[in-house]
Amino acid sequence: MPYVTISASQSYSAEQKRQLIVSASEAVVSSLQAPVENVRVLLNEYPQERYLIAGRTEVPMLMYQVDLIEGRDDTKKAGLVNALKQAAVAATGIALGDVKVRLCDFRREDMGHFPA
């Protein structure tokens, strides 16, 4: 935990995809002080005919969903959102406003962490 799922259009090169997943992990570690061994990053790619943004299919798409165990304050969450957006811009050249980030908090028990 945390788990990061990146949804992206298939328009990015292999190097850009590598940069996306590596920089997402680094953003989580630096923003939340999460141990790198606990961070998981997945990249899902979509062909243009499988998504729609503002009524259009020919635009690049990049969205992060981050699943977190509850308890992080708004300052840390805002830092993570900013770090992920900046990393996406650096890796792909996408416009900052086109990068979307969704944070989802889960109770420890809902993520399989039960008190001893």
Protein backbone atom coordinates (compact mmCIF):
# COMPACT_ATOMS: atom_id res chain seq x y z
CA MET A 1 0.00 0.00 0.00
CA PRO A 2 -0.31 2.57 -1.66
CA TYR A 3 -1.48 1.18 -5.00
CA VAL A 4 -1.26 3.41 -8.07
CA THR A 5 -3.14 2.60 -11.26
CA ILE A 6 -2.29 4.70 -14.29
CA SER A 7 -4.80 4.75 -17.13
CA ALA A 8 -3.27 6.10 -20.31
CA SER A 9 -3.88 6.30 -24.03
CA GLN A 10 -1.72 4.04 -26.16
CA SER A 11 0.01 7.09 -27.62
CA TYR A 12 3.07 6.96 -25.35
CA SER A 13 6.44 5.39 -26.17
CA ALA A 14 7.99 2.56 -24.17
CA GLU A 15 10.38 5.04 -22.53
CA GLN A 16 7.56 7.42 -21.60
CA LYS A 17 5.63 4.52 -20.04
CA ARG A 18 8.69 3.46 -18.07
CA GLN A 19 9.15 7.04 -16.85
CA LEU A 20 5.48 7.22 -15.86
CA ILE A 21 5.60 4.15 -13.63
CA VAL A 22 8.99 4.94 -12.09
CA SER A 23 8.10 8.57 -11.41
CA ALA A 24 4.72 7.56 -9.93
CA SER A 25 6.50 5.31 -7.43
CA GLU A 26 8.99 8.07 -6.60
CA ALA A 27 6.16 10.59 -6.11
CA VAL A 28 4.41 8.30 -3.62
CA VAL A 29 7.60 7.61 -1.69
CA SER A 30 8.64 11.26 -1.48
CA SER A 31 5.17 12.76 -0.85
CA LEU A 32 3.85 10.23 1.65
CA GLN A 33 7.11 8.85 3.05
CA ALA A 34 5.83 5.40 2.05
CA PRO A 35 8.42 2.61 2.01
CA VAL A 36 9.22 1.85 -1.63
CA GLU A 37 8.73 -1.88 -0.99
CA ASN A 38 5.05 -1.19 -0.20
CA VAL A 39 4.31 0.80 -3.36
CA ARG A 40 2.65 -0.90 -6.34
CA VAL A 41 2.22 0.80 -9.72
CA LEU A 42 0.20 -0.60 -12.64
CA LEU A 43 -0.20 0.89 -16.10
CA ASN A 44 -3.32 0.21 -18.16
CA GLU A 45 -3.35 1.39 -21.77
CA TYR A 46 -6.41 2.17 -23.85
CA PRO A 47 -6.80 2.56 -27.61
CA GLN A 48 -8.45 5.81 -28.68
CA GLU A 49 -11.72 4.10 -29.51
CA ARG A 50 -12.09 2.97 -25.87
CA TYR A 51 -12.27 6.37 -24.14
CA LEU A 52 -13.93 9.72 -24.57
CA ILE A 53 -12.76 13.06 -23.17
CA ALA A 54 -14.96 16.13 -23.63
CA GLY A 55 -16.72 14.37 -26.51
CA ARG A 56 -13.44 13.57 -28.29
CA THR A 57 -11.46 10.36 -28.79
CA GLU A 58 -8.31 11.71 -30.46
CA VAL A 59 -6.86 13.42 -27.39
CA PRO A 60 -4.18 11.95 -25.11
CA MET A 61 -5.47 10.54 -21.83
CA LEU A 62 -3.64 10.17 -18.53
CA MET A 63 -5.28 9.50 -15.17
CA TYR A 64 -3.96 8.22 -11.86
CA GLN A 65 -6.03 6.38 -9.27
CA VAL A 66 -4.24 6.03 -5.95
CA ASP A 67 -5.62 3.66 -3.31
CA LEU A 68 -4.44 4.62 0.18
CA ILE A 69 -4.99 3.44 3.70
CA GLU A 70 -6.89 6.24 5.44
CA GLY A 71 -5.17 8.65 7.77
CA ARG A 72 -3.09 10.92 5.57
CA ASP A 73 -3.74 14.62 5.95
CA ASP A 74 -4.82 16.97 3.16
CA THR A 75 -1.36 18.54 2.89
CA LYS A 76 0.27 15.18 2.09
CA LYS A 77 -2.51 14.31 -0.34
CA ALA A 78 -2.16 17.66 -2.15
CA GLY A 79 1.60 17.11 -2.35
CA LEU A 80 1.05 13.69 -3.90
CA VAL A 81 -1.44 15.03 -6.47
CA ASN A 82 0.99 17.78 -7.46
CA ALA A 83 3.96 15.39 -7.65
CA LEU A 84 2.04 12.95 -9.86
CA LYS A 85 0.86 15.69 -12.20
CA GLN A 86 4.35 17.16 -12.53
CA ALA A 87 5.80 13.68 -13.15
CA ALA A 88 3.25 13.03 -15.92
CA VAL A 89 4.09 16.32 -17.64
CA ALA A 90 7.82 15.59 -17.43
CA ALA A 91 7.43 12.02 -18.73
CA THR A 92 4.98 12.61 -21.57
CA GLY A 93 4.68 16.32 -22.34
CA ILE A 94 0.93 16.22 -21.69
CA ALA A 95 -0.60 19.51 -20.52
CA LEU A 96 -0.83 19.80 -16.73
CA GLY A 97 -4.57 20.43 -16.87
CA ASP A 98 -5.10 17.21 -18.82
CA VAL A 99 -3.65 15.02 -16.06
CA LYS A 100 -6.26 13.75 -13.62
CA VAL A 101 -5.59 12.26 -10.17
CA ARG A 102 -8.14 10.49 -7.99
CA LEU A 103 -7.29 9.52 -4.41
CA CYS A 104 -9.31 6.82 -2.65
CA ASP A 105 -9.00 6.23 1.10
CA PHE A 106 -9.72 2.78 2.50
CA ARG A 107 -9.99 1.55 6.06
CA ARG A 108 -7.03 -0.65 7.06
CA GLU A 109 -9.36 -3.62 7.38
CA ASP A 110 -10.69 -3.12 3.85
CA MET A 111 -7.14 -3.52 2.54
CA GLY A 112 -6.51 -6.73 4.46
CA HIS A 113 -4.71 -5.16 7.43
CA PHE A 114 -6.27 -6.45 10.63
CA PRO A 115 -5.16 -5.68 14.19
CA ALA A 116 -3.06 -8.41 15.77
